[in-house]
N, C-alpha and C. Protein backbone atom coordinates (compact mmCIF):
# COMPACT_ATOMS: atom_id res chain seq x y z
N MET A 1 0.83 -1.19 0.00
CA MET A 1 0.00 0.00 0.00
C MET A 1 0.87 1.25 0.00
N GLU A 2 2.01 1.17 0.68
CA GLU A 2 2.90 2.33 0.75
C GLU A 2 3.38 2.73 -0.64
N THR A 3 3.74 1.75 -1.45
CA THR A 3 4.20 2.04 -2.80
C THR A 3 3.09 2.69 -3.62
N CYS A 4 1.89 2.17 -3.52
CA CYS A 4 0.75 2.76 -4.23
C CYS A 4 0.51 4.20 -3.77
N ARG A 5 0.55 4.41 -2.45
CA ARG A 5 0.35 5.77 -1.93
C ARG A 5 1.43 6.71 -2.44
N ASN A 6 2.69 6.27 -2.41
CA ASN A 6 3.79 7.11 -2.88
C ASN A 6 3.64 7.49 -4.34
N LEU A 7 3.08 6.59 -5.14
CA LEU A 7 2.89 6.84 -6.57
C LEU A 7 1.51 7.41 -6.88
N LYS A 8 0.73 7.68 -5.83
CA LYS A 8 -0.62 8.24 -5.96
C LYS A 8 -1.53 7.34 -6.81
N ILE A 9 -1.42 6.03 -6.57
CA ILE A 9 -2.27 5.04 -7.24
C ILE A 9 -3.30 4.58 -6.22
N PRO A 10 -4.58 4.92 -6.42
CA PRO A 10 -5.60 4.46 -5.48
C PRO A 10 -5.68 2.93 -5.47
N ALA A 11 -5.70 2.36 -4.28
CA ALA A 11 -5.73 0.90 -4.16
C ALA A 11 -6.52 0.52 -2.92
N ALA A 12 -7.09 -0.68 -2.96
CA ALA A 12 -7.84 -1.21 -1.82
C ALA A 12 -7.13 -2.47 -1.32
N LEU A 13 -7.05 -2.62 0.00
CA LEU A 13 -6.39 -3.77 0.62
C LEU A 13 -7.43 -4.79 1.05
N GLU A 14 -7.19 -6.06 0.70
CA GLU A 14 -8.06 -7.16 1.12
C GLU A 14 -7.20 -8.19 1.84
N ARG A 15 -7.52 -8.47 3.08
CA ARG A 15 -6.80 -9.49 3.86
C ARG A 15 -7.26 -10.87 3.40
N SER A 16 -6.33 -11.81 3.35
CA SER A 16 -6.70 -13.18 2.99
C SER A 16 -7.45 -13.82 4.16
N ARG A 17 -8.19 -14.86 3.87
CA ARG A 17 -8.96 -15.53 4.92
C ARG A 17 -8.06 -16.12 5.99
N SER A 18 -6.87 -16.56 5.59
CA SER A 18 -5.95 -17.16 6.57
C SER A 18 -5.37 -16.10 7.51
N GLY A 19 -5.40 -14.85 7.08
CA GLY A 19 -4.81 -13.78 7.87
C GLY A 19 -3.30 -13.67 7.68
N LYS A 20 -2.74 -14.53 6.84
CA LYS A 20 -1.29 -14.52 6.62
C LYS A 20 -0.88 -13.73 5.38
N GLY A 21 -1.83 -13.28 4.63
CA GLY A 21 -1.51 -12.58 3.39
C GLY A 21 -2.54 -11.52 3.08
N ALA A 22 -2.35 -10.88 1.96
CA ALA A 22 -3.26 -9.82 1.54
C ALA A 22 -3.20 -9.67 0.02
N HIS A 23 -4.20 -9.03 -0.50
CA HIS A 23 -4.27 -8.71 -1.92
C HIS A 23 -4.51 -7.21 -2.03
N ILE A 24 -3.90 -6.60 -3.01
CA ILE A 24 -4.16 -5.19 -3.28
C ILE A 24 -4.91 -5.11 -4.60
N TRP A 25 -6.03 -4.43 -4.56
CA TRP A 25 -6.88 -4.26 -5.74
C TRP A 25 -6.69 -2.85 -6.28
N ILE A 26 -6.49 -2.77 -7.59
CA ILE A 26 -6.40 -1.49 -8.29
C ILE A 26 -7.49 -1.50 -9.35
N PHE A 27 -8.36 -0.52 -9.29
CA PHE A 27 -9.46 -0.42 -10.25
C PHE A 27 -9.16 0.71 -11.23
N PHE A 28 -9.40 0.44 -12.49
CA PHE A 28 -9.14 1.41 -13.55
C PHE A 28 -10.46 2.04 -13.98
N SER A 29 -10.42 3.32 -14.35
CA SER A 29 -11.64 4.02 -14.76
C SER A 29 -12.00 3.71 -16.22
N ALA A 30 -11.07 3.15 -16.97
CA ALA A 30 -11.32 2.76 -18.36
C ALA A 30 -10.66 1.40 -18.60
N SER A 31 -11.02 0.78 -19.70
CA SER A 31 -10.42 -0.52 -20.05
C SER A 31 -8.91 -0.39 -20.19
N VAL A 32 -8.20 -1.39 -19.69
CA VAL A 32 -6.74 -1.42 -19.77
C VAL A 32 -6.35 -2.81 -20.27
N LEU A 33 -5.40 -2.86 -21.18
CA LEU A 33 -4.91 -4.15 -21.65
C LEU A 33 -4.35 -4.94 -20.48
N ALA A 34 -4.63 -6.24 -20.46
CA ALA A 34 -4.13 -7.09 -19.38
C ALA A 34 -2.61 -7.03 -19.29
N SER A 35 -1.93 -6.94 -20.43
CA SER A 35 -0.46 -6.88 -20.43
C SER A 35 0.03 -5.62 -19.71
N LYS A 36 -0.67 -4.51 -19.88
CA LYS A 36 -0.28 -3.27 -19.20
C LYS A 36 -0.57 -3.36 -17.70
N ALA A 37 -1.68 -3.98 -17.34
CA ALA A 37 -2.00 -4.15 -15.91
C ALA A 37 -0.96 -5.04 -15.24
N ARG A 38 -0.54 -6.11 -15.93
CA ARG A 38 0.50 -7.00 -15.37
C ARG A 38 1.82 -6.26 -15.23
N LYS A 39 2.16 -5.41 -16.20
CA LYS A 39 3.40 -4.63 -16.11
C LYS A 39 3.35 -3.69 -14.91
N LEU A 40 2.20 -3.07 -14.69
CA LEU A 40 2.05 -2.20 -13.52
C LEU A 40 2.23 -3.01 -12.24
N GLY A 41 1.59 -4.17 -12.17
CA GLY A 41 1.72 -5.02 -10.99
C GLY A 41 3.16 -5.44 -10.74
N SER A 42 3.86 -5.81 -11.80
CA SER A 42 5.27 -6.20 -11.67
C SER A 42 6.12 -5.03 -11.19
N TYR A 43 5.85 -3.86 -11.73
CA TYR A 43 6.58 -2.66 -11.32
C TYR A 43 6.36 -2.37 -9.84
N LEU A 44 5.11 -2.45 -9.40
CA LEU A 44 4.79 -2.18 -7.99
C LEU A 44 5.47 -3.20 -7.07
N LEU A 45 5.46 -4.47 -7.46
CA LEU A 45 6.15 -5.50 -6.67
C LEU A 45 7.65 -5.25 -6.61
N THR A 46 8.24 -4.90 -7.74
CA THR A 46 9.68 -4.63 -7.78
C THR A 46 10.04 -3.45 -6.89
N LYS A 47 9.26 -2.36 -6.98
CA LYS A 47 9.50 -1.18 -6.14
C LYS A 47 9.39 -1.54 -4.67
N THR A 48 8.36 -2.29 -4.31
CA THR A 48 8.14 -2.66 -2.91
C THR A 48 9.26 -3.54 -2.41
N MET A 49 9.64 -4.54 -3.19
CA MET A 49 10.67 -5.48 -2.75
C MET A 49 12.05 -4.83 -2.69
N SER A 50 12.28 -3.75 -3.46
CA SER A 50 13.57 -3.07 -3.39
C SER A 50 13.73 -2.32 -2.08
N ARG A 51 12.63 -1.95 -1.46
CA ARG A 51 12.68 -1.24 -0.17
C ARG A 51 12.54 -2.19 1.01
N HIS A 52 11.94 -3.33 0.79
CA HIS A 52 11.68 -4.30 1.86
C HIS A 52 12.30 -5.64 1.46
N HIS A 53 13.61 -5.76 1.65
CA HIS A 53 14.35 -6.93 1.18
C HIS A 53 13.90 -8.23 1.83
N GLN A 54 13.25 -8.15 2.98
CA GLN A 54 12.81 -9.38 3.65
C GLN A 54 11.62 -10.01 2.93
N LEU A 55 10.97 -9.28 2.04
CA LEU A 55 9.85 -9.83 1.29
C LEU A 55 10.38 -10.71 0.16
N GLY A 56 9.68 -11.77 -0.09
CA GLY A 56 9.98 -12.63 -1.22
C GLY A 56 8.68 -13.03 -1.88
N MET A 57 8.76 -13.66 -3.01
CA MET A 57 7.54 -14.02 -3.73
C MET A 57 6.69 -15.00 -2.93
N GLU A 58 7.29 -15.80 -2.05
CA GLU A 58 6.49 -16.71 -1.24
C GLU A 58 5.63 -15.96 -0.23
N GLN A 59 5.99 -14.70 0.10
CA GLN A 59 5.19 -13.89 1.01
C GLN A 59 4.23 -12.98 0.25
N ILE A 60 4.42 -12.86 -1.03
CA ILE A 60 3.59 -11.92 -1.79
C ILE A 60 2.48 -12.65 -2.49
């Protein structure tokens, strides 16, 4: 969420049922190609993981 806030990307946080994880939802006001949405997601993960080295894909 911090990365989204820093980039001024509105996002909603959803906790997983297990309580061990979470999902971040980003809603677009217009249609977006899936490839562009995936690129945005990858960019956000990369930015977040560069600041929080203890995170790994098994936690994300």
